[in-house]
Every structure is written in structure tokens, then in C-alpha cells.
Amino acid sequence: MSPALRNPYRGHAHQRGNALILALLALVVTSLGAVTALQNRRVEIKRDLGVAEATVLERLRNGAQSAVYEHLTAIQQGQPLVKNGVSIEPAQVGGELVWSPTIDQLRSMSYLPAGWTHTRSSLNDGAYGITFRRVPAGCAAPSCDVEGMVTIRAPILDGRQPGASVDGVVIGPILTRSGADGGVSLATAPSTIRGFNDTWTSPNPVPGNPAGVVAMRFGTNTGGFNQFVRVGDLRDPQLGGNLTAAGNLAIAGGSTVSGNARFDADAAIQGTVRVGPQNAAPCVTVDPSGVVSVACAGVLNTRTGVFEDAAGNRSDIGPTGVTTTGRLRSNDGVQANGNVLFSASDPNAISVAAGELFIRGPSGNLVSIEGGNFRVDGVVTGRRFAIAEAVTEGASCDTESAGAPGIQFGATADRSLAVCASGKWVVSTRTGRAGERCPVLGSVATDVVNGQSLICHNNMYFPLNLMARIVLCEDDPFICQ
């Protein structure tokens, strides 16, 4: 008998066993899918919790950052932050001043919303801690920067059992939201909170230095603040465009302008202005006392120059000449082309290069010196008139040089006055002494001793009154008896 005939129900039992195995396998697969879905959902919830926590930390960070913005000068000087009747006092920690504002203080100072109640994290019930300090240590205002952190003062772990690992699923969205200003203490170095890619570090403020402590950084060196130029900033902003200021611009140190500098209004400069090559003696110096010095080429190009003192004395130098209300002084005279007046070598002389000197009036020449001749169109008046050169009676003379109808005068060696007539010197007024010989019979002369008139008789000068008596006696001897 075949086995099938011996047990007709044996094949059906085998089929039922296979179906059970398949059903169990389906149950296992379904269970694994449910577990995976549950796990994914759990991860999603954790991520949402991390995002929500990042929002709270960010709001606290912004409030603390606003406090630093508004009180930066006070912080740099180590003073309390005072606002709305609230004062945040600094405390000495490790030889440095540290400010630790509470959430209630920031809310009362209007740096947090009035209804803000978040003081502890919903992730681990860790309190929020806020601290900031000046850096570098020992800095002096206004060169101080400010660094601070908002910290959850408890680690974020995957479960609350002892030995639980850091919950990276929750921490990841917090760090993503905070960017380069977010940091966490890692299991490999829990004593330090490290920023993204180790861009910044800070000591872990939580006792015991646990891993998983999350913080957000704020201050003047953070990503939210270092892009701005601030009061007392020592950095070079390296601006790429123009800089416009509606108010005054005060520069305590030096200022270097590589391009052109333009002033559309007045420029008030209290110190000395120096113009010239860099690292060399200046070519132009303008001193605050009012002295302008020009060196180098030494050329001053200007259309006009005006010099005036407080007393009203004024001198103008222009293209047409020099005008002054005072005297024109020169140590070496005045020169125009070859003509020199009062040179240092001959201070009493007027030297004329052409040999002629003219003094002109509206009607023409008034006085001229030409070829050694002195000409005056008017009357010559003086106390004395001296003739230095003697002429010879009867010698030739130039009648034309005097100019018609003028006449030339001269003096002979015996001090007689001569005139130039018909080309010869003719004595018009003679001088002599009584008893001296005389050249021309009947000529009249003036006695140089007593001023009496003399007459030439028998080649000898006789007093005219005596000669008249002699003539009378010759004509009528009775008169002379």
C-alpha cells in the first residue's frame, strides 16, 4: 500500500505548515515596517523639538545682542548696563569682568517681549544661562571686543538614564539654525564648547563639563555683528564703495588718501599743511601762524597777490604792476631792463642804459637828459647856477644845440659870462680888477673885488667913475682944478 493510501490526510498537513510559515514571515515584515515607521516618526519629532529649541535660543541670543549693541561703550569701560531702572552689574571672575544678565532683567529692559516666560529648556529642563565679557583680556576702551554665549545649562541626551549618549538628532537642527554662531560640547572634548568647524571655542560653563551642552554665541565678533563698523572698532572695514556721512567726520590718527581729495565747502585745518613727495622735505608748507613757504622749484603761479595788514596798509601785485599804499623798498635798487635806480653799488645814482632820461607830463617832455645835455621846457629856478667848464672867447660853438630861439651860456677862464652867437663864443659880461690889463678897448667889466663897474682904457681896467672924471678933465680942465 502506498503511503498516500496509508495516510490520506498527510499532504494537507504539510500545506498548512507552509502557510503558517508564510504568515509568520508576513507578520515579521509588517512588524519591521511598523518599527521603522515608528522610528522615523520619533526622529521627526526630535528634529521638530530641536527646531523649536533653536527658535528660543535665537530669541534669547538676539535680546542679549541688542543689549550689547546699545551699551557697548559702557561695557568697554567696565560699567554696569542701566535701562528702565534695571542695572546689570559686572562681576570679577578669574580676574576679568563678566556680565551675567538674567532673563527677567532682559525682559524688564525691553530686550525680550513683555510676556516672555521661557527660563528653562523644554528638552532637558536645563536653565538658560547668559554671560558675556570683554576680549582680549586686559584690553582698554575703545579697543575691546565683546564675546558672550546663551547656554542650556544641562546636556541634551538621548534619554535621561545614566550613560545616555548625546542626542545628535535634536542638537543638529539647533546648530543648523544658529549657523557659525552655534556650538556644542562633544564627547571627545567635553570641557570645551566648539563652534562649526572649530571656528570658535569657549570653556564649558556647566559643572562637570558634560558632553551635549549647546550654546549660541553673540557679541562683536559674531556673524551677526562683525559685518558692521562700530564705535571704537579697530578693524579695517575695507569698504568697496563710497562712504557718505551727513554729519562731522573726526579722525584722531593720520589719514591717507590715495586718490583725489575734494572739499565742496570750507576746510578748517588747525595744524601745518605740507605738500610734497612722500618721505621727503615738503615743497609747500602752510603754517598756522600764516606763513607760506615754497621750496623745491620755488615757483608761485598766481594772477594777483594782495597783502594787507590790520592797519590798512596794502600792496597789490598784478599783471600790470605793483601798487602799494606804503613805500617800495629794495636793498639793491630797482631795475627795469637795463635801467637801474639806486643800486646797492651806487645807491645815490639813477643809471640809464640808453644814456637818456626823460621826465614827461601830459603835454610832453618836462625835463630830459640827452647826450649830456640837460633840457627843461619851463623855467629853471635855483639858488646858484654853476658852469664847470670854461670856454674860450672867439672859439666855435654849436648854436643849434640850444634849440631856437634858445641861447647857450658859458664862462671864460677869467669868470666872464659868454654867449654863443653866430657860431662863436662872445663875452657878454666880463669880470676883472682895476689896474689889470684888458683885451678889448672900451669893454665894460665888473670888478670882482668890490663889484664896481670897470672900463677898458689903454688896455687897462679903470673904475668907471674914475674914467668919467678923466674924460671930463680932458674936455674941461677947469672942472678938475
Protein backbone atom coordinates (compact mmCIF):
# COMPACT_ATOMS: atom_id res chain seq x y z
CA MET A 1 0.00 0.00 0.00
CA SER A 2 1.28 3.39 -0.94
CA PRO A 3 1.97 5.99 1.77
CA ALA A 4 -0.73 8.16 0.44
CA LEU A 5 -3.23 5.43 0.80
CA ARG A 6 -1.97 4.54 4.18
CA ASN A 7 -2.44 8.26 5.47
CA PRO A 8 -4.79 10.29 3.27
CA TYR A 9 -4.50 13.48 5.47
CA ARG A 10 -0.70 13.77 5.48
CA GLY A 11 -0.41 16.11 2.36
CA HIS A 12 -2.95 18.54 3.72
CA ALA A 13 -0.98 18.92 6.96
CA HIS A 14 2.17 19.79 5.04
CA GLN A 15 0.37 22.57 3.17
CA ARG A 16 -0.96 24.05 6.38
CA GLY A 17 2.61 24.21 7.80
CA ASN A 18 3.87 26.21 4.84
CA ALA A 19 1.03 28.70 5.14
CA LEU A 20 1.85 29.27 8.81
CA ILE A 21 5.46 29.99 8.00
CA LEU A 22 4.43 32.49 5.35
CA ALA A 23 2.01 34.13 7.72
CA LEU A 24 4.70 34.44 10.35
CA LEU A 25 7.11 35.92 7.79
CA ALA A 26 4.49 38.46 6.74
CA LEU A 27 3.93 39.35 10.37
CA VAL A 28 7.67 39.88 10.90
CA VAL A 29 7.97 42.08 7.80
CA THR A 30 4.92 44.07 8.85
CA SER A 31 6.35 44.49 12.32
CA LEU A 32 9.69 45.67 10.96
CA GLY A 33 7.93 48.22 8.75
CA ALA A 34 5.91 49.44 11.70
CA VAL A 35 9.03 49.73 13.82
CA THR A 36 10.82 51.65 11.04
CA ALA A 37 7.87 53.99 10.61
CA LEU A 38 7.69 54.50 14.34
CA GLN A 39 11.43 55.19 14.47
CA ASN A 40 11.19 57.69 11.60
CA ARG A 41 8.34 59.42 13.32
CA ARG A 42 10.34 59.59 16.51
CA VAL A 43 13.30 61.14 14.64
CA GLU A 44 10.98 63.66 13.01
CA ILE A 45 9.55 64.64 16.37
CA LYS A 46 13.06 65.08 17.78
CA ARG A 47 14.02 67.27 14.89
CA ASP A 48 10.96 69.41 15.41
CA LEU A 49 11.88 69.75 19.07
CA GLY A 50 15.39 70.85 18.04
CA VAL A 51 13.98 73.46 15.67
CA ALA A 52 11.67 74.78 18.36
CA GLU A 53 14.54 74.98 20.86
CA ALA A 54 16.70 76.79 18.30
CA THR A 55 13.98 79.44 18.00
CA VAL A 56 14.04 80.05 21.75
CA LEU A 57 17.84 80.20 21.89
CA GLU A 58 17.90 82.53 18.92
CA ARG A 59 15.44 84.89 20.55
CA LEU A 60 17.49 84.97 23.75
CA ARG A 61 20.68 85.48 21.74
CA ASN A 62 19.13 88.43 19.85
CA GLY A 63 17.99 90.04 23.10
CA ALA A 64 21.46 89.77 24.61
CA GLN A 65 22.99 91.00 21.37
CA SER A 66 20.73 94.08 21.43
CA ALA A 67 21.89 94.84 24.96
CA VAL A 68 25.49 94.69 23.79
CA TYR A 69 24.71 96.94 20.80
CA GLU A 70 23.13 99.59 22.97
CA HIS A 71 25.62 99.53 25.86
CA LEU A 72 28.85 98.76 24.00
CA THR A 73 30.63 101.87 25.28
CA ALA A 74 29.65 101.12 28.90
CA ILE A 75 30.79 97.50 28.52
CA GLN A 76 34.14 98.56 27.04
CA GLN A 77 34.62 100.88 30.02
CA GLY A 78 33.65 98.15 32.52
CA GLN A 79 30.47 99.89 33.66
CA PRO A 80 27.01 98.49 34.53
CA LEU A 81 24.23 98.30 31.94
CA VAL A 82 21.42 100.57 33.10
CA LYS A 83 17.99 100.88 31.48
CA ASN A 84 14.37 101.17 32.64
CA GLY A 85 15.53 101.25 36.25
CA VAL A 86 17.35 97.91 35.89
CA SER A 87 21.10 97.63 36.36
CA ILE A 88 23.26 94.68 35.24
CA GLU A 89 26.43 94.82 37.32
CA PRO A 90 29.66 93.14 36.16
CA ALA A 91 31.41 90.68 38.47
CA GLN A 92 35.05 89.66 38.77
CA VAL A 93 35.57 86.10 37.50
CA GLY A 94 39.12 84.85 37.12
CA GLY A 95 40.47 88.39 37.07
CA GLU A 96 38.04 89.56 34.37
CA LEU A 97 34.75 91.40 34.44
CA VAL A 98 31.79 89.20 33.46
CA TRP A 99 28.20 90.36 32.94
CA SER A 100 25.51 87.72 33.60
CA PRO A 101 22.08 89.21 32.88
CA THR A 102 19.01 87.18 33.84
CA ILE A 103 16.05 86.63 31.55
CA ASP A 104 13.91 88.73 33.88
CA GLN A 105 16.39 91.62 33.60
CA LEU A 106 16.48 91.47 29.79
CA ARG A 107 12.68 91.40 29.72
CA SER A 108 12.42 94.37 32.07
CA MET A 109 14.94 96.28 29.94
CA SER A 110 12.77 95.62 26.84
CA TYR A 111 15.28 93.33 25.14
CA LEU A 112 12.75 90.46 25.36
CA PRO A 113 8.98 90.59 24.82
CA ALA A 114 6.97 91.66 27.87
CA GLY A 115 5.24 88.26 28.10
CA TRP A 116 8.39 86.18 27.82
CA THR A 117 8.34 83.29 30.32
CA HIS A 118 10.89 80.80 28.95
CA THR A 119 13.59 80.42 31.57
CA ARG A 120 14.30 76.66 31.21
CA SER A 121 14.64 74.38 28.20
CA SER A 122 11.74 72.08 27.39
CA LEU A 123 14.24 69.45 26.17
CA ASN A 124 16.01 68.70 29.45
CA ASP A 125 14.71 71.29 31.94
CA GLY A 126 18.15 72.96 31.84
CA ALA A 127 18.19 76.64 32.80
CA TYR A 128 19.18 79.21 30.20
CA GLY A 129 22.40 80.99 31.13
CA ILE A 130 23.63 84.24 29.56
CA THR A 131 27.13 85.66 30.08
CA PHE A 132 29.47 87.97 28.19
CA ARG A 133 32.88 89.55 28.74
CA ARG A 134 35.43 91.86 27.15
CA VAL A 135 38.19 90.47 24.91
CA PRO A 136 41.11 90.35 24.75
CA ALA A 137 41.76 90.15 28.45
CA GLY A 138 43.07 93.39 29.90
CA CYS A 139 42.03 95.46 26.89
CA ALA A 140 41.46 99.21 27.18
CA ALA A 141 38.45 101.04 25.76
CA PRO A 142 37.63 101.52 22.97
CA SER A 143 39.76 98.64 21.68
CA CYS A 144 37.71 95.97 23.49
CA ASP A 145 35.51 93.47 21.72
CA VAL A 146 32.70 91.60 23.46
CA GLU A 147 32.09 87.83 23.44
CA GLY A 148 29.14 86.07 25.08
CA MET A 149 27.02 82.89 24.99
CA VAL A 150 23.46 81.80 25.63
CA THR A 151 23.78 78.28 27.06
CA ILE A 152 21.42 75.48 28.07
CA ARG A 153 22.95 74.61 31.43
CA ALA A 154 22.33 70.85 31.02
CA PRO A 155 23.36 68.33 28.33
CA ILE A 156 20.90 67.22 25.62
CA LEU A 157 21.00 63.40 25.79
CA ASP A 158 19.13 60.56 24.08
CA GLY A 159 17.18 59.52 27.13
CA ARG A 160 17.62 60.52 30.74
CA GLN A 161 19.17 57.31 32.00
CA PRO A 162 22.76 57.36 33.25
CA GLY A 163 25.23 56.77 30.45
CA ALA A 164 22.88 58.02 27.74
CA SER A 165 24.60 59.33 24.61
CA VAL A 166 24.41 62.83 23.16
CA ASP A 167 21.19 63.28 21.21
CA GLY A 168 22.55 64.44 17.85
CA VAL A 169 19.10 64.26 16.25
CA VAL A 170 17.88 67.12 18.48
CA ILE A 171 21.15 69.07 18.52
CA GLY A 172 21.55 69.00 14.72
CA PRO A 173 18.64 71.39 13.91
CA ILE A 174 19.79 73.77 16.69
CA LEU A 175 23.27 74.07 15.20
CA THR A 176 21.84 74.34 11.67
CA ARG A 177 19.59 77.23 12.72
CA SER A 178 22.35 79.11 14.56
CA GLY A 179 24.93 78.69 11.79
CA ALA A 180 28.52 79.62 12.58
CA ASP A 181 27.46 81.03 15.97
CA GLY A 182 26.20 77.69 17.27
CA GLY A 183 28.35 75.33 19.33
CA VAL A 184 28.26 72.10 21.37
CA SER A 185 30.50 70.19 23.77
CA LEU A 186 31.48 66.89 22.14
CA ALA A 187 32.14 63.57 23.85
CA THR A 188 35.73 63.67 22.59
CA ALA A 189 36.42 67.01 24.34
CA PRO A 190 33.52 67.79 26.68
CA SER A 191 35.32 70.61 28.55
CA THR A 192 35.12 72.89 25.50
CA ILE A 193 32.19 74.16 23.50
CA ARG A 194 33.20 74.23 19.85
CA GLY A 195 31.71 76.21 17.00
CA PHE A 196 31.18 74.96 13.47
CA ASN A 197 34.40 73.54 12.06
CA ASP A 198 36.24 74.79 15.18
CA THR A 199 35.80 78.44 14.11
CA TRP A 200 35.49 79.36 17.80
CA THR A 201 35.82 77.72 21.21
CA SER A 202 34.76 78.54 24.75
CA PRO A 203 35.04 76.74 28.10
CA ASN A 204 32.05 74.55 29.02
CA PRO A 205 30.22 76.54 31.76
CA VAL A 206 28.19 73.53 33.09
CA PRO A 207 29.67 71.89 36.21
CA GLY A 208 31.25 68.54 35.41
CA ASN A 209 31.79 69.53 31.78
CA PRO A 210 29.27 67.06 30.32
CA ALA A 211 29.05 66.40 26.59
CA GLY A 212 25.97 67.60 24.75
CA VAL A 213 25.86 71.19 26.16
CA VAL A 214 24.53 73.51 23.42
CA ALA A 215 25.24 77.27 23.17
CA MET A 216 24.70 80.19 20.82
CA ARG A 217 27.42 82.81 20.61
CA PHE A 218 26.84 86.59 20.44
CA GLY A 219 28.94 89.75 20.72
CA THR A 220 31.02 91.97 18.44
CA ASN A 221 32.95 89.12 16.79
CA THR A 222 29.93 87.08 15.77
CA GLY A 223 28.48 86.59 12.31
CA GLY A 224 25.60 88.89 13.17
CA PHE A 225 27.79 91.80 14.21
CA ASN A 226 31.26 91.64 12.67
CA GLN A 227 29.96 92.81 9.31
CA PHE A 228 29.23 96.25 10.79
CA VAL A 229 31.66 99.03 11.66
CA ARG A 230 31.04 100.02 15.25
CA VAL A 231 32.14 102.64 17.78
CA GLY A 232 35.75 102.07 18.80
CA ASP A 233 36.29 99.42 16.10
CA LEU A 234 39.97 98.76 15.41
CA ARG A 235 39.38 96.72 12.27
CA ASP A 236 39.85 98.00 8.76
CA PRO A 237 36.38 97.75 7.16
CA GLN A 238 37.91 97.83 3.65
CA LEU A 239 34.80 99.37 2.16
CA GLY A 240 34.40 98.68 -1.53
CA GLY A 241 32.27 101.72 -2.36
CA ASN A 242 31.69 105.30 -1.35
CA LEU A 243 31.28 106.46 2.25
CA THR A 244 28.80 109.26 2.88
CA ALA A 245 28.44 110.99 6.24
CA ALA A 246 25.71 113.55 6.90
CA GLY A 247 27.48 114.88 9.99
CA ASN A 248 31.05 115.60 11.02
CA LEU A 249 33.91 113.15 10.50
CA ALA A 250 36.56 113.14 13.25
CA ILE A 251 39.83 111.25 12.68
CA ALA A 252 42.16 111.02 15.66
CA GLY A 253 45.05 109.47 13.75
CA GLY A 254 46.52 110.00 10.32
CA SER A 255 44.55 109.78 7.11
CA THR A 256 45.92 108.55 3.79
CA VAL A 257 44.08 109.41 0.58
CA SER A 258 45.44 107.57 -2.45
CA GLY A 259 43.14 109.33 -4.91
CA ASN A 260 41.96 112.88 -5.32
CA ALA A 261 40.51 114.72 -2.31
CA ARG A 262 37.74 117.25 -2.93
CA PHE A 263 36.23 119.71 -0.47
CA ASP A 264 32.95 121.25 -1.61
CA ALA A 265 32.86 123.65 1.35
CA ASP A 266 35.32 125.33 3.70
CA ALA A 267 38.16 123.27 5.17
CA ALA A 268 39.40 124.31 8.63
CA ILE A 269 42.90 122.93 9.29
CA GLN A 270 44.44 123.61 12.71
CA GLY A 271 47.91 122.25 12.06
CA THR A 272 50.58 122.73 9.40
CA VAL A 273 49.79 121.77 5.80
CA ARG A 274 52.70 120.14 3.99
CA VAL A 275 52.70 119.37 0.28
CA GLY A 276 55.43 117.36 -1.38
CA PRO A 277 56.81 113.89 -2.11
CA GLN A 278 56.30 111.20 0.48
CA ASN A 279 59.19 110.71 2.95
CA ALA A 280 60.88 113.91 1.73
CA ALA A 281 61.03 117.55 2.75
CA PRO A 282 57.81 119.34 1.79
CA CYS A 283 57.81 121.64 -1.23
CA VAL A 284 55.00 123.84 0.12
CA THR A 285 54.33 124.50 3.80
CA VAL A 286 51.39 126.47 5.18
CA ASP A 287 51.98 127.25 8.85
CA PRO A 288 49.07 128.01 11.25
CA SER A 289 50.77 131.33 12.05
CA GLY A 290 50.09 132.44 8.47
CA VAL A 291 53.49 131.71 6.90
CA VAL A 292 53.56 130.09 3.44
CA SER A 293 56.90 128.57 2.41
CA VAL A 294 57.59 127.43 -1.15
CA ALA A 295 60.66 125.23 -1.76
CA CYS A 296 61.65 122.70 -4.47
CA ALA A 297 61.11 124.53 -7.80
CA GLY A 298 60.13 127.62 -5.79
CA VAL A 299 57.62 128.90 -8.33
CA LEU A 300 54.44 130.65 -7.24
CA ASN A 301 51.97 131.00 -10.12
CA THR A 302 49.13 133.40 -9.38
CA ARG A 303 47.26 136.11 -11.27
CA THR A 304 47.27 138.61 -8.43
CA GLY A 305 48.70 138.98 -4.96
CA VAL A 306 47.19 141.13 -2.23
CA PHE A 307 49.00 141.92 1.02
CA GLU A 308 47.18 143.89 3.71
CA ASP A 309 47.81 144.36 7.41
CA ALA A 310 45.50 145.27 10.27
CA ALA A 311 46.39 148.95 9.91
CA GLY A 312 45.07 149.06 6.35
CA ASN A 313 48.45 149.17 4.61
CA ARG A 314 48.02 147.33 1.33
CA SER A 315 50.12 146.20 -1.60
CA ASP A 316 48.75 144.66 -4.78
CA ILE A 317 50.82 142.68 -7.25
CA GLY A 318 49.08 142.13 -10.56
CA PRO A 319 49.88 141.50 -14.22
CA THR A 320 50.10 145.26 -14.84
CA GLY A 321 52.42 146.13 -11.96
CA VAL A 322 52.78 146.74 -8.25
CA THR A 323 50.56 149.09 -6.26
CA THR A 324 51.26 149.93 -2.65
CA THR A 325 49.99 152.37 -0.05
CA GLY A 326 53.41 152.39 1.60
CA ARG A 327 56.97 152.63 0.37
CA LEU A 328 58.66 150.37 -2.12
CA ARG A 329 61.91 149.22 -0.53
CA SER A 330 64.83 147.37 -2.06
CA ASN A 331 68.32 146.67 -0.75
CA ASP A 332 69.76 146.65 -4.28
CA GLY A 333 67.69 149.28 -6.07
CA VAL A 334 65.06 148.91 -8.74
CA GLN A 335 65.85 147.66 -12.23
CA ALA A 336 63.76 147.77 -15.40
CA ASN A 337 65.58 146.09 -18.26
CA GLY A 338 68.98 147.82 -18.30
CA ASN A 339 67.90 150.86 -16.28
CA VAL A 340 68.75 150.80 -12.59
CA LEU A 341 67.63 153.14 -9.83
CA PHE A 342 69.62 153.34 -6.59
CA SER A 343 71.69 150.17 -7.00
CA ALA A 344 73.50 148.88 -3.93
CA SER A 345 76.83 149.53 -5.68
CA ASP A 346 75.86 153.20 -6.26
CA PRO A 347 72.85 153.93 -4.04
CA ASN A 348 72.60 157.61 -4.99
CA ALA A 349 72.53 157.10 -8.75
CA ILE A 350 69.96 156.58 -11.43
CA SER A 351 71.64 154.61 -14.21
CA VAL A 352 70.09 154.80 -17.67
CA ALA A 353 71.30 152.19 -20.11
CA ALA A 354 70.35 154.24 -23.23
CA GLY A 355 72.04 157.38 -21.90
CA GLU A 356 68.86 159.42 -21.97
CA LEU A 357 66.46 160.27 -19.17
CA PHE A 358 63.05 161.84 -19.74
CA ILE A 359 60.51 163.22 -17.31
CA ARG A 360 57.23 163.63 -19.15
CA GLY A 361 53.94 165.31 -18.36
CA PRO A 362 50.57 165.37 -20.12
CA SER A 363 51.90 167.93 -22.59
CA GLY A 364 55.16 166.11 -23.35
CA ASN A 365 58.73 166.31 -22.08
CA LEU A 366 59.25 168.33 -18.92
CA VAL A 367 62.89 167.51 -18.23
CA SER A 368 65.32 165.43 -20.25
CA ILE A 369 68.98 164.49 -20.18
CA GLU A 370 70.19 163.65 -23.69
CA GLY A 371 73.79 163.20 -24.73
CA GLY A 372 74.99 165.05 -21.68
CA ASN A 373 72.60 167.97 -22.25
CA PHE A 374 70.01 168.97 -19.66
CA ARG A 375 66.79 170.27 -21.15
CA VAL A 376 63.87 171.90 -19.36
CA ASP A 377 60.79 173.12 -21.18
CA GLY A 378 59.95 175.52 -18.36
CA VAL A 379 61.82 177.84 -16.03
CA VAL A 380 64.89 176.61 -14.15
CA THR A 381 64.92 178.05 -10.66
CA GLY A 382 67.70 177.60 -8.18
CA ARG A 383 69.91 179.35 -5.65
CA ARG A 384 73.00 179.06 -7.77
CA PHE A 385 73.86 178.26 -11.34
CA ALA A 386 77.41 176.98 -11.75
CA ILE A 387 79.27 176.47 -15.05
CA ALA A 388 82.01 173.95 -14.56
CA GLU A 389 83.76 174.15 -17.94
CA ALA A 390 85.50 177.31 -19.29
CA VAL A 391 85.05 178.42 -22.89
CA THR A 392 87.39 180.50 -24.98
CA GLU A 393 86.26 183.81 -26.31
CA GLY A 394 86.05 183.66 -30.09
CA ALA A 395 86.10 179.86 -30.18
CA SER A 396 83.48 178.00 -32.21
CA CYS A 397 80.24 176.87 -30.57
CA ASP A 398 77.09 174.95 -31.61
CA THR A 399 74.28 177.43 -31.94
CA GLU A 400 71.68 174.73 -32.79
CA SER A 401 72.17 172.57 -29.68
CA ALA A 402 70.29 175.04 -27.53
CA GLY A 403 67.24 174.94 -29.73
CA ALA A 404 65.74 178.04 -31.31
CA PRO A 405 65.20 180.66 -30.05
CA GLY A 406 67.34 179.50 -27.12
CA ILE A 407 70.85 180.60 -26.39
CA GLN A 408 73.89 178.94 -24.81
CA PHE A 409 75.75 180.45 -21.91
CA GLY A 410 79.32 179.78 -20.93
CA ALA A 411 82.09 181.16 -18.75
CA THR A 412 85.65 182.04 -19.65
CA ALA A 413 88.66 181.30 -17.53
CA ASP A 414 88.53 184.79 -16.05
CA ARG A 415 84.93 184.13 -14.94
CA SER A 416 83.36 186.27 -17.66
CA LEU A 417 79.91 185.29 -18.89
CA ALA A 418 79.83 184.33 -22.58
CA VAL A 419 77.06 183.53 -25.04
CA CYS A 420 77.13 181.51 -28.21
CA ALA A 421 76.29 183.86 -31.11
CA SER A 422 76.85 183.30 -34.80
CA GLY A 423 78.81 180.15 -34.07
CA LYS A 424 81.33 181.79 -31.74
CA TRP A 425 81.64 182.42 -28.03
CA VAL A 426 81.11 186.13 -27.37
CA VAL A 427 81.67 187.55 -23.90
CA SER A 428 78.61 189.43 -22.74
CA THR A 429 79.55 190.22 -19.17
CA ARG A 430 83.22 190.48 -18.20
CA THR A 431 84.89 190.38 -14.80
CA GLY A 432 88.23 191.82 -13.80
CA ARG A 433 90.15 194.00 -11.38
CA ALA A 434 91.02 197.68 -11.57
CA GLY A 435 94.54 198.07 -12.93
CA GLU A 436 94.52 194.69 -14.77
CA ARG A 437 95.09 194.55 -18.46
CA CYS A 438 92.01 194.18 -20.62
CA PRO A 439 91.72 192.68 -24.11
CA VAL A 440 89.11 194.91 -25.77
CA LEU A 441 89.27 198.68 -25.68
CA GLY A 442 86.01 200.21 -24.35
CA SER A 443 84.65 196.92 -22.99
CA VAL A 444 82.88 197.04 -19.63
CA ALA A 445 83.55 194.63 -16.77
CA THR A 446 82.62 194.10 -13.14
CA ASP A 447 85.29 194.39 -10.50
CA VAL A 448 85.49 191.04 -8.67
CA VAL A 449 86.87 192.86 -5.59
CA ASN A 450 84.22 195.47 -4.89
CA GLY A 451 81.62 194.93 -7.62
CA GLN A 452 82.17 198.33 -9.23
CA SER A 453 81.94 198.76 -12.95
CA LEU A 454 85.23 198.84 -14.87
CA ILE A 455 86.01 200.07 -18.35
CA CYS A 456 88.91 199.10 -20.60
CA HIS A 457 91.05 202.14 -21.49
CA ASN A 458 94.52 202.00 -22.94
CA ASN A 459 94.42 198.17 -22.47
CA MET A 460 93.81 198.58 -18.73
CA TYR A 461 90.74 198.41 -16.50
CA PHE A 462 89.77 201.63 -14.79
CA PRO A 463 86.85 202.18 -12.42
CA LEU A 464 84.06 203.64 -14.48
CA ASN A 465 83.54 206.61 -12.12
CA LEU A 466 87.23 207.45 -12.26
CA MET A 467 87.30 207.12 -16.02
CA ALA A 468 84.37 209.51 -16.34
CA ARG A 469 86.24 212.13 -14.34
CA ILE A 470 89.34 211.73 -16.51
CA VAL A 471 87.26 212.25 -19.61
CA LEU A 472 85.65 215.36 -18.13
CA CYS A 473 89.05 216.78 -17.13
CA GLU A 474 90.35 216.23 -20.61
CA ASP A 475 87.38 218.09 -22.07
CA ASP A 476 87.31 220.90 -19.44
CA PRO A 477 90.46 221.24 -17.28
CA PHE A 478 88.75 223.87 -15.15
CA ILE A 479 86.49 221.13 -13.69
CA CYS A 480 89.47 219.15 -12.44
CA GLN A 481 91.22 222.18 -10.77
